[in-house]
Amino acid sequence: MNPKKPFRGIFKGLKREPFLIPLPYFNSEKAQDCLDCTGGCASVCPEHIIIKKEATRPYLDFKERGCTFCRECVRECVQEHAGVLEDTREDRIDTWVLLDSQTCLSYQGVVCFACKDACRDNAISFEGMFAPHIHASCTGCGMCAGVCPSQSILFVEKST
């Protein structure tokens, strides 16, 4: 056995499914009910950000726009599955939102306020004109993700 295994060899066998951003108001304990659903939540979303493929949970795609928390998905879900999306939950998407400082233009010395300008919650601040930070007040709506010219906004699963 070779004790000097190449670094990439350590991770070669690891295959992780990509993280799919959950819908707001999502009750993960009832997620199984989504598998047989036709995806009415996706058809009523005015922003067209809900993706629902057959036999899977719906997820959000923030490539072009974010969630306005209009609750249309909740109203539709109540009619189809009564409770996977819960109206009593707060307007928040259960993810961590991070900035990739390696690709963010502001961290590279370029004046860019695209994420801050798009943020409805004023959850992004800058140190001077550079080094943006996302605050705990972020709802995970994704409004910043679609406008970021370098795709530096990352959504990460909250581990329990």
C-alpha atoms as a PDB file:
ATOM      1  CA  MET A   1       0.000   0.000   0.000  1.00  0.00           C
ATOM      2  CA  ASN A   2       1.314   3.419  -0.941  1.00  0.00           C
ATOM      3  CA  PRO A   3       1.264   5.730   2.141  1.00  0.00           C
ATOM      4  CA  LYS A   4       1.491   8.810  -0.106  1.00  0.00           C
ATOM      5  CA  LYS A   5      -1.928   8.744  -1.709  1.00  0.00           C
ATOM      6  CA  PRO A   6      -2.595  11.751  -3.966  1.00  0.00           C
ATOM      7  CA  PHE A   7      -4.880  14.317  -2.332  1.00  0.00           C
ATOM      8  CA  ARG A   8      -7.517  14.063  -5.070  1.00  0.00           C
ATOM      9  CA  GLY A   9      -7.644  10.305  -4.518  1.00  0.00           C
ATOM     10  CA  ILE A  10      -9.098  10.869  -1.063  1.00  0.00           C
ATOM     11  CA  PHE A  11     -12.169  12.558  -2.537  1.00  0.00           C
ATOM     12  CA  LYS A  12     -12.426  10.564  -5.758  1.00  0.00           C
ATOM     13  CA  GLY A  13     -14.844   7.983  -4.371  1.00  0.00           C
ATOM     14  CA  LEU A  14     -17.094  10.541  -2.708  1.00  0.00           C
ATOM     15  CA  LYS A  15     -20.219  11.307  -4.665  1.00  0.00           C
ATOM     16  CA  ARG A  16     -22.497  13.888  -3.165  1.00  0.00           C
ATOM     17  CA  GLU A  17     -25.853  14.804  -4.546  1.00  0.00           C
ATOM     18  CA  PRO A  18     -26.083  18.511  -5.316  1.00  0.00           C
ATOM     19  CA  PHE A  19     -27.898  20.510  -2.657  1.00  0.00           C
ATOM     20  CA  LEU A  20     -31.389  21.387  -3.818  1.00  0.00           C
ATOM     21  CA  ILE A  21     -32.734  24.543  -2.201  1.00  0.00           C
ATOM     22  CA  PRO A  22     -35.957  23.735  -0.317  1.00  0.00           C
ATOM     23  CA  LEU A  23     -39.135  25.738  -0.690  1.00  0.00           C
ATOM     24  CA  PRO A  24     -40.021  28.230   2.025  1.00  0.00           C
ATOM     25  CA  TYR A  25     -42.520  26.908   4.569  1.00  0.00           C
ATOM     26  CA  PHE A  26     -41.314  23.348   3.829  1.00  0.00           C
ATOM     27  CA  ASN A  27     -41.939  20.706   6.497  1.00  0.00           C
ATOM     28  CA  SER A  28     -39.203  18.128   5.896  1.00  0.00           C
ATOM     29  CA  GLU A  29     -41.015  15.596   8.083  1.00  0.00           C
ATOM     30  CA  LYS A  30     -43.775  15.436   5.453  1.00  0.00           C
ATOM     31  CA  ALA A  31     -41.419  15.462   2.448  1.00  0.00           C
ATOM     32  CA  GLN A  32     -42.516  11.971   1.393  1.00  0.00           C
ATOM     33  CA  ASP A  33     -45.895  13.440   0.371  1.00  0.00           C
ATOM     34  CA  CYS A  34     -44.138  15.437  -2.356  1.00  0.00           C
ATOM     35  CA  LEU A  35     -42.962  12.356  -4.229  1.00  0.00           C
ATOM     36  CA  ASP A  36     -46.406  11.493  -5.601  1.00  0.00           C
ATOM     37  CA  CYS A  37     -47.488  15.094  -6.102  1.00  0.00           C
ATOM     38  CA  THR A  38     -47.967  16.562  -9.577  1.00  0.00           C
ATOM     39  CA  GLY A  39     -46.195  19.786  -8.603  1.00  0.00           C
ATOM     40  CA  GLY A  40     -48.986  22.307  -8.475  1.00  0.00           C
ATOM     41  CA  CYS A  41     -46.694  24.543  -6.433  1.00  0.00           C
ATOM     42  CA  ALA A  42     -44.416  24.920  -9.463  1.00  0.00           C
ATOM     43  CA  SER A  43     -47.247  25.830 -11.805  1.00  0.00           C
ATOM     44  CA  VAL A  44     -48.607  28.608  -9.563  1.00  0.00           C
ATOM     45  CA  CYS A  45     -45.285  30.258  -8.679  1.00  0.00           C
ATOM     46  CA  PRO A  46     -45.353  33.765 -10.226  1.00  0.00           C
ATOM     47  CA  GLU A  47     -41.541  33.897 -10.247  1.00  0.00           C
ATOM     48  CA  HIS A  48     -41.212  30.477 -11.968  1.00  0.00           C
ATOM     49  CA  ILE A  49     -38.450  29.410  -9.582  1.00  0.00           C
ATOM     50  CA  ILE A  50     -39.976  26.153  -8.297  1.00  0.00           C
ATOM     51  CA  ILE A  51     -38.746  23.044 -10.072  1.00  0.00           C
ATOM     52  CA  LYS A  52     -40.695  19.807  -9.587  1.00  0.00           C
ATOM     53  CA  LYS A  53     -39.603  16.663 -11.357  1.00  0.00           C
ATOM     54  CA  GLU A  54     -41.504  13.400 -11.214  1.00  0.00           C
ATOM     55  CA  ALA A  55     -41.085  11.414  -7.978  1.00  0.00           C
ATOM     56  CA  THR A  56     -38.889  14.086  -6.348  1.00  0.00           C
ATOM     57  CA  ARG A  57     -39.297  16.918  -3.873  1.00  0.00           C
ATOM     58  CA  PRO A  58     -39.711  20.373  -5.380  1.00  0.00           C
ATOM     59  CA  TYR A  59     -36.771  22.749  -5.104  1.00  0.00           C
ATOM     60  CA  LEU A  60     -35.900  26.355  -5.922  1.00  0.00           C
ATOM     61  CA  ASP A  61     -33.812  27.638  -8.816  1.00  0.00           C
ATOM     62  CA  PHE A  62     -32.460  31.154  -8.242  1.00  0.00           C
ATOM     63  CA  LYS A  63     -30.571  31.539 -11.534  1.00  0.00           C
ATOM     64  CA  GLU A  64     -32.772  34.391 -12.741  1.00  0.00           C
ATOM     65  CA  ARG A  65     -34.838  35.619  -9.800  1.00  0.00           C
ATOM     66  CA  GLY A  66     -35.682  34.968  -6.162  1.00  0.00           C
ATOM     67  CA  CYS A  67     -38.644  34.213  -3.938  1.00  0.00           C
ATOM     68  CA  THR A  68     -41.069  37.002  -3.037  1.00  0.00           C
ATOM     69  CA  PHE A  69     -42.722  34.895  -0.310  1.00  0.00           C
ATOM     70  CA  CYS A  70     -46.115  35.394  -1.952  1.00  0.00           C
ATOM     71  CA  ARG A  71     -47.339  32.069  -0.469  1.00  0.00           C
ATOM     72  CA  GLU A  72     -49.038  30.948  -3.691  1.00  0.00           C
ATOM     73  CA  CYS A  73     -47.168  27.637  -3.333  1.00  0.00           C
ATOM     74  CA  VAL A  74     -48.597  27.194   0.157  1.00  0.00           C
ATOM     75  CA  ARG A  75     -52.172  27.780  -1.015  1.00  0.00           C
ATOM     76  CA  GLU A  76     -51.737  25.225  -3.780  1.00  0.00           C
ATOM     77  CA  CYS A  77     -50.083  22.693  -1.460  1.00  0.00           C
ATOM     78  CA  VAL A  78     -52.953  22.942   1.026  1.00  0.00           C
ATOM     79  CA  GLN A  79     -55.316  21.843  -1.759  1.00  0.00           C
ATOM     80  CA  GLU A  80     -53.092  18.962  -2.914  1.00  0.00           C
ATOM     81  CA  HIS A  81     -51.336  17.643   0.209  1.00  0.00           C
ATOM     82  CA  ALA A  82     -52.510  19.695   3.183  1.00  0.00           C
ATOM     83  CA  GLY A  83     -49.383  20.432   5.096  1.00  0.00           C
ATOM     84  CA  VAL A  84     -46.083  19.839   3.320  1.00  0.00           C
ATOM     85  CA  LEU A  85     -45.831  23.614   3.002  1.00  0.00           C
ATOM     86  CA  GLU A  86     -47.045  25.184   6.226  1.00  0.00           C
ATOM     87  CA  ASP A  87     -48.552  28.661   6.246  1.00  0.00           C
ATOM     88  CA  THR A  88     -47.600  29.125   9.901  1.00  0.00           C
ATOM     89  CA  ARG A  89     -43.856  29.142   9.149  1.00  0.00           C
ATOM     90  CA  GLU A  90     -41.967  32.408   8.756  1.00  0.00           C
ATOM     91  CA  ASP A  91     -40.868  33.914   5.434  1.00  0.00           C
ATOM     92  CA  ARG A  92     -37.472  32.227   5.376  1.00  0.00           C
ATOM     93  CA  ILE A  93     -35.780  29.539   3.306  1.00  0.00           C
ATOM     94  CA  ASP A  94     -33.976  26.994   5.448  1.00  0.00           C
ATOM     95  CA  THR A  95     -30.427  27.348   4.084  1.00  0.00           C
ATOM     96  CA  TRP A  96     -27.182  29.100   4.852  1.00  0.00           C
ATOM     97  CA  VAL A  97     -26.375  31.811   2.311  1.00  0.00           C
ATOM     98  CA  LEU A  98     -22.678  32.393   1.753  1.00  0.00           C
ATOM     99  CA  LEU A  99     -20.459  34.538  -0.446  1.00  0.00           C
ATOM    100  CA  ASP A 100     -17.562  32.903  -2.261  1.00  0.00           C
ATOM    101  CA  SER A 101     -14.775  35.393  -1.646  1.00  0.00           C
ATOM    102  CA  GLN A 102     -12.612  33.701  -4.307  1.00  0.00           C
ATOM    103  CA  THR A 103     -15.032  34.606  -7.110  1.00  0.00           C
ATOM    104  CA  CYS A 104     -16.860  37.662  -5.716  1.00  0.00           C
ATOM    105  CA  LEU A 105     -15.906  40.737  -7.750  1.00  0.00           C
ATOM    106  CA  SER A 106     -15.908  43.005  -4.694  1.00  0.00           C
ATOM    107  CA  TYR A 107     -13.387  40.779  -2.941  1.00  0.00           C
ATOM    108  CA  GLN A 108     -11.213  41.078  -6.063  1.00  0.00           C
ATOM    109  CA  GLY A 109     -11.202  44.889  -5.873  1.00  0.00           C
ATOM    110  CA  VAL A 110     -13.986  45.549  -8.401  1.00  0.00           C
ATOM    111  CA  VAL A 111     -16.740  47.936  -7.355  1.00  0.00           C
ATOM    112  CA  CYS A 112     -19.910  45.829  -7.499  1.00  0.00           C
ATOM    113  CA  PHE A 113     -23.032  46.262  -5.384  1.00  0.00           C
ATOM    114  CA  ALA A 114     -25.341  43.985  -7.401  1.00  0.00           C
ATOM    115  CA  CYS A 115     -26.160  41.712  -4.450  1.00  0.00           C
ATOM    116  CA  LYS A 116     -26.717  44.584  -2.014  1.00  0.00           C
ATOM    117  CA  ASP A 117     -28.923  46.464  -4.479  1.00  0.00           C
ATOM    118  CA  ALA A 118     -31.109  43.379  -5.008  1.00  0.00           C
ATOM    119  CA  CYS A 119     -31.450  42.526  -1.308  1.00  0.00           C
ATOM    120  CA  ARG A 120     -34.922  43.483  -0.059  1.00  0.00           C
ATOM    121  CA  ASP A 121     -33.994  42.684   3.541  1.00  0.00           C
ATOM    122  CA  ASN A 122     -30.890  44.899   3.681  1.00  0.00           C
ATOM    123  CA  ALA A 123     -29.007  41.788   4.841  1.00  0.00           C
ATOM    124  CA  ILE A 124     -25.812  42.509   2.883  1.00  0.00           C
ATOM    125  CA  SER A 125     -23.309  45.151   3.942  1.00  0.00           C
ATOM    126  CA  PHE A 126     -19.875  46.138   2.711  1.00  0.00           C
ATOM    127  CA  GLU A 127     -16.700  47.173   4.460  1.00  0.00           C
ATOM    128  CA  GLY A 128     -16.192  50.429   2.611  1.00  0.00           C
ATOM    129  CA  MET A 129     -16.762  49.580  -1.047  1.00  0.00           C
ATOM    130  CA  PHE A 130     -15.474  46.021  -0.840  1.00  0.00           C
ATOM    131  CA  ALA A 131     -15.775  42.804   1.195  1.00  0.00           C
ATOM    132  CA  PRO A 132     -19.535  42.180   1.393  1.00  0.00           C
ATOM    133  CA  HIS A 133     -20.994  40.264   4.323  1.00  0.00           C
ATOM    134  CA  ILE A 134     -24.325  38.493   4.607  1.00  0.00           C
ATOM    135  CA  HIS A 135     -26.040  39.039   7.950  1.00  0.00           C
ATOM    136  CA  ALA A 136     -28.265  36.759  10.028  1.00  0.00           C
ATOM    137  CA  SER A 137     -31.288  38.787   8.903  1.00  0.00           C
ATOM    138  CA  CYS A 138     -30.958  37.131   5.470  1.00  0.00           C
ATOM    139  CA  THR A 139     -34.131  35.198   4.608  1.00  0.00           C
ATOM    140  CA  GLY A 140     -32.480  33.152   1.843  1.00  0.00           C
ATOM    141  CA  CYS A 141     -34.876  34.569  -0.759  1.00  0.00           C
ATOM    142  CA  GLY A 142     -32.257  34.357  -3.524  1.00  0.00           C
ATOM    143  CA  MET A 143     -32.858  37.803  -4.994  1.00  0.00           C
ATOM    144  CA  CYS A 144     -29.108  38.396  -4.851  1.00  0.00           C
ATOM    145  CA  ALA A 145     -28.124  35.140  -6.570  1.00  0.00           C
ATOM    146  CA  GLY A 146     -29.597  35.839  -9.995  1.00  0.00           C
ATOM    147  CA  VAL A 147     -28.034  39.295 -10.275  1.00  0.00           C
ATOM    148  CA  CYS A 148     -24.531  38.326  -9.136  1.00  0.00           C
ATOM    149  CA  PRO A 149     -22.321  38.621 -12.248  1.00  0.00           C
ATOM    150  CA  SER A 150     -19.820  36.077 -10.923  1.00  0.00           C
ATOM    151  CA  GLN A 151     -22.326  33.611  -9.414  1.00  0.00           C
ATOM    152  CA  SER A 152     -20.674  33.993  -6.009  1.00  0.00           C
ATOM    153  CA  ILE A 153     -23.796  33.534  -3.884  1.00  0.00           C
ATOM    154  CA  LEU A 154     -23.925  30.002  -2.499  1.00  0.00           C
ATOM    155  CA  PHE A 155     -26.768  28.188  -0.799  1.00  0.00           C
ATOM    156  CA  VAL A 156     -25.714  25.502   1.647  1.00  0.00           C
ATOM    157  CA  GLU A 157     -27.784  22.972   3.535  1.00  0.00           C
ATOM    158  CA  LYS A 158     -28.174  23.682   7.229  1.00  0.00           C
ATOM    159  CA  SER A 159     -26.935  20.637   9.083  1.00  0.00           C
ATOM    160  CA  THR A 160     -28.974  19.643  12.079  1.00  0.00           C
END
